[in-house]
Protein backbone atom coordinates (compact mmCIF):
# COMPACT_ATOMS: atom_id res chain seq x y z
CA LEU A 1 11.61 21.15 1.34
CA ARG A 2 9.75 18.06 0.34
CA SER A 3 7.09 21.02 -1.37
CA ILE A 4 10.02 23.15 -2.46
CA LEU A 5 10.96 20.70 -4.54
CA TYR A 6 7.88 18.93 -5.70
CA ASN A 7 7.63 21.46 -8.92
CA ALA A 8 11.56 20.28 -9.99
CA THR A 9 10.27 16.46 -8.88
CA SER A 10 6.99 16.74 -10.70
CA GLN A 11 8.31 17.06 -14.18
CA TYR A 12 10.20 13.66 -14.54
CA LYS A 13 7.13 11.53 -13.13
CA GLY A 14 4.48 10.99 -15.60
CA ALA A 15 5.36 7.63 -17.53
CA LEU A 16 8.33 6.24 -15.58
CA TYR A 17 5.71 5.53 -12.51
CA MET A 18 2.66 3.41 -14.60
CA ASP A 19 4.39 0.32 -14.54
CA SER A 20 5.75 0.36 -11.11
CA ARG A 21 3.34 0.13 -7.77
CA MET A 22 6.16 2.58 -6.20
CA GLN A 23 9.04 5.02 -6.95
CA ILE A 24 11.10 7.33 -5.34
CA TYR A 25 12.92 10.20 -5.67
CA LEU A 26 16.43 9.49 -4.85
CA THR A 27 18.36 13.49 -4.54
CA ASN A 28 22.33 13.95 -3.77
CA LYS A 29 21.60 15.80 0.35
CA GLY A 30 25.24 17.00 -0.32
CA ASP A 31 25.34 18.59 -3.62
CA TYR A 32 21.86 20.25 -2.45
CA PHE A 33 23.03 21.91 1.18
CA GLN A 34 26.14 22.60 -0.06
CA ARG A 35 26.04 23.90 -3.47
CA GLY A 36 22.41 24.48 -4.05
CA ILE A 37 21.91 21.75 -6.66
CA LEU A 38 19.16 19.30 -7.59
CA THR A 39 21.06 15.41 -8.19
CA GLY A 40 18.40 12.78 -7.82
CA THR A 41 16.59 10.40 -10.14
CA TRP A 42 13.16 8.76 -10.01
CA VAL A 43 13.47 5.27 -9.27
CA LYS A 44 11.19 2.68 -10.11
CA LEU A 45 11.52 0.01 -6.75
CA PRO A 46 11.65 -2.87 -6.44
CA ILE A 47 15.50 -2.19 -7.66
CA PRO A 48 18.38 -4.96 -7.47
CA GLU A 49 20.98 -4.41 -5.26
CA GLU A 50 23.82 -4.41 -8.06
CA LYS A 51 21.69 -1.68 -10.40
CA LEU A 52 20.73 0.56 -7.17
CA GLU A 53 24.48 1.08 -6.48
CA SER A 54 24.61 2.18 -10.71
CA VAL A 55 21.58 4.94 -10.01
CA LEU A 56 23.21 6.27 -6.70
CA GLU A 57 26.87 6.34 -8.35
CA SER A 58 25.05 8.65 -11.39
CA ILE A 59 23.75 11.26 -8.64
CA GLY A 60 27.32 11.32 -7.37
CA ILE A 61 26.70 9.26 -4.79
CA ARG A 62 29.55 6.53 -4.05
CA GLY A 63 30.68 3.49 -2.27
CA ASP A 64 29.71 3.59 1.61
CA CYS A 65 28.27 7.70 1.40
CA LYS A 66 24.44 7.35 1.71
CA ASN A 67 24.31 11.44 1.58
CA TYR A 68 20.90 10.88 -0.06
CA PHE A 69 17.53 11.60 0.71
CA ILE A 70 13.95 11.05 -0.51
CA THR A 71 12.66 14.10 -1.78
CA ASP A 72 9.16 12.85 -3.40
CA TYR A 73 7.85 9.11 -3.57
CA GLU A 74 4.60 7.84 -5.49
CA SER A 75 2.72 4.65 -4.37
CA LEU A 76 -0.19 3.48 -4.80
CA LEU A 77 -0.66 1.87 -1.31
CA PRO A 78 -3.03 4.11 0.39
CA ASN A 79 -1.82 5.98 3.67
CA LEU A 80 1.77 4.97 3.08
CA HIS A 81 4.40 7.42 4.16
CA ILE A 82 7.60 7.79 3.08
CA SER A 83 9.39 10.18 5.16
CA GLU A 84 12.94 11.38 3.23
CA TYR A 85 15.50 10.29 5.14
CA ALA A 86 14.18 6.23 5.43
CA SER A 87 16.12 3.39 4.57
CA ILE A 88 16.21 2.95 0.68
CA ASP A 89 17.28 -1.08 1.82
CA GLU A 90 13.62 -0.97 3.71
CA VAL A 91 11.94 1.04 0.87
CA ASN A 92 12.53 -1.83 -1.60
CA GLU A 93 12.26 -4.52 0.73
CA LEU A 94 9.04 -3.32 0.72
CA ALA A 95 8.39 -3.00 -3.17
CA GLU A 96 9.46 -6.50 -3.18
CA ARG A 97 7.39 -8.22 -0.81
CA VAL A 98 4.23 -5.64 -2.11
CA GLU A 99 5.18 -7.08 -5.94
CA GLY A 100 5.40 -10.73 -4.65
CA LEU A 101 1.77 -10.43 -3.45
CA ALA A 102 -0.73 -12.42 -5.00
CA ASP A 103 -4.29 -10.21 -5.79
CA HIS A 104 -6.09 -11.36 -3.36
CA ASP A 105 -3.73 -10.44 -1.12
CA TYR A 106 -2.78 -7.22 -2.44
CA ALA A 107 -6.39 -6.42 -1.63
CA LYS A 108 -6.43 -7.32 1.72
CA LEU A 109 -3.42 -5.51 2.06
CA GLU A 110 -4.87 -2.31 1.00
CA ALA A 111 -7.79 -2.52 2.87
CA VAL A 112 -5.36 -2.99 5.47
CA LEU A 113 -3.63 0.01 4.99
CA GLU A 114 -6.93 2.72 3.99
CA CYS A 115 -7.64 1.71 7.62
CA GLU A 116 -4.85 2.71 9.25
CA SER A 117 -2.91 5.50 8.76
CA GLY A 118 0.46 6.65 10.00
CA MET A 119 1.84 3.00 10.26
CA SER A 120 5.95 3.27 9.29
CA ILE A 121 7.26 1.04 6.36
CA ALA A 122 8.23 -1.82 8.96
CA GLU A 123 4.66 -1.83 10.41
CA ILE A 124 3.50 -2.50 6.91
CA LEU A 125 6.18 -5.48 6.64
CA ALA A 126 4.97 -7.33 9.58
CA ILE A 127 0.74 -6.22 8.45
CA ILE A 128 2.04 -8.68 5.11
CA ASP A 129 3.13 -11.23 7.60
CA GLU A 130 0.20 -11.47 9.24
CA LEU A 131 -2.24 -11.36 6.11
CA ASP A 132 -3.74 -14.49 7.28
CA SER A 133 -4.58 -12.98 9.79
CA PHE A 134 -6.94 -10.88 7.58
CA ASP A 135 -10.16 -12.11 5.84
CA LEU A 136 -11.68 -10.13 2.58
CA LEU A 137 -15.04 -10.52 1.13
CA GLU A 138 -14.31 -8.34 -1.85
CA ASP A 139 -16.91 -6.43 -3.06
CA ILE A 140 -19.25 -6.17 0.22
CA SER A 141 -19.16 -2.89 0.70
CA SER A 142 -22.52 -2.69 2.42
CA GLU A 143 -25.09 -4.71 5.17
CA GLU A 144 -27.06 -5.60 3.21
CA GLU A 145 -24.54 -6.91 0.16
CA LEU A 146 -22.42 -9.08 4.08
CA GLY A 147 -26.14 -10.28 4.61
CA GLU A 148 -26.39 -11.25 1.32
CA TYR A 149 -23.15 -13.44 1.20
CA TYR A 150 -23.09 -15.19 4.60
CA LEU A 151 -27.51 -16.11 3.48
CA GLU A 152 -26.12 -17.42 0.75
CA ASP A 153 -23.19 -19.43 2.30
CA ILE A 154 -25.89 -20.53 4.88
CA PHE A 155 -28.43 -21.48 2.72
CA CYS A 156 -26.68 -22.07 -0.80
CA GLY A 157 -28.98 -24.51 -2.77
CA SER A 158 -32.39 -23.22 -1.20
CA SER A 159 -34.80 -21.88 -3.23
CA ASP A 160 -35.20 -18.26 -3.81
CA THR A 161 -38.83 -17.96 -2.70
CA VAL A 162 -37.45 -18.61 0.70
CA LEU A 163 -34.78 -16.11 0.85
CA ARG A 164 -36.87 -13.81 -0.34
CA TYR A 165 -38.49 -13.48 3.55
CA ILE A 166 -35.29 -12.30 5.33
CA ASP A 167 -33.91 -9.18 5.67
CA THR A 168 -30.75 -9.18 4.78
CA GLN A 169 -29.58 -5.83 5.43
CA ARG A 170 -30.63 -6.91 8.99
CA LEU A 171 -28.78 -10.06 8.89
CA GLY A 172 -25.80 -8.23 7.64
CA ARG A 173 -26.05 -5.42 10.24
CA ASP A 174 -26.42 -8.09 12.88
CA ILE A 175 -23.85 -9.73 11.90
CA HIS A 176 -21.45 -6.44 11.22
CA LEU A 177 -22.30 -5.59 15.07
CA GLU A 178 -21.85 -8.72 16.71
CA ASN A 179 -18.26 -9.25 14.36
CA GLY A 180 -16.23 -6.36 16.05
CA ASN A 181 -13.81 -6.74 14.16
CA GLY A 182 -15.30 -6.24 10.54
CA THR A 183 -15.02 -2.38 8.47
CA PHE A 184 -16.06 -1.57 5.08
CA THR A 185 -13.78 -0.74 2.59
CA SER A 186 -13.07 0.32 -0.94
CA HIS A 187 -12.15 -3.32 -1.23
CA GLY A 188 -14.37 -4.86 0.58
CA TYR A 189 -15.24 -6.29 3.92
CA LEU A 190 -12.62 -6.41 6.32
CA THR A 191 -12.34 -8.44 9.41
CA ASP A 192 -9.27 -8.32 11.46
CA LEU A 193 -8.39 -12.26 12.68
CA ARG A 194 -6.15 -11.51 15.37
């Protein structure tokens, strides 16, 4: 179903997405399945509840009727999957919590999601609550850089003459192997401290 509707919804993306980390395309389920009409709109998240109600009314959904489905979505979060019948409230909460993250915590979340696939929205919300249980050494992308980081931390203030005799790649590899919970991501070296 998503692939059938892709062409209809993709023409509306473009500029809407540029200022939002997440957006969904809401479709009136009754119009689509009963009359074959695609009635929907892109919604940038997070969105206040009152505005969401007016968006739903604009596509013909009124009151407590939840006669909608999510036809498409766009997100900057890696490995995020939003099902067609996901709760708008839950997706909106995720967008709100993500938007409220400091840059370093957002990078941590992206690193965690890069390592995990198939997480539900509830699981991602739980990860956001546990971001302090992860350590991210940003811009550390190799064993050598990891070794250099720890070497500078241990020997801060030492002369370069001594430091150049230490094999930083081997040091980084040993730290990585002993750590066991560390992973190199596109954001840096992520350690799960749980």
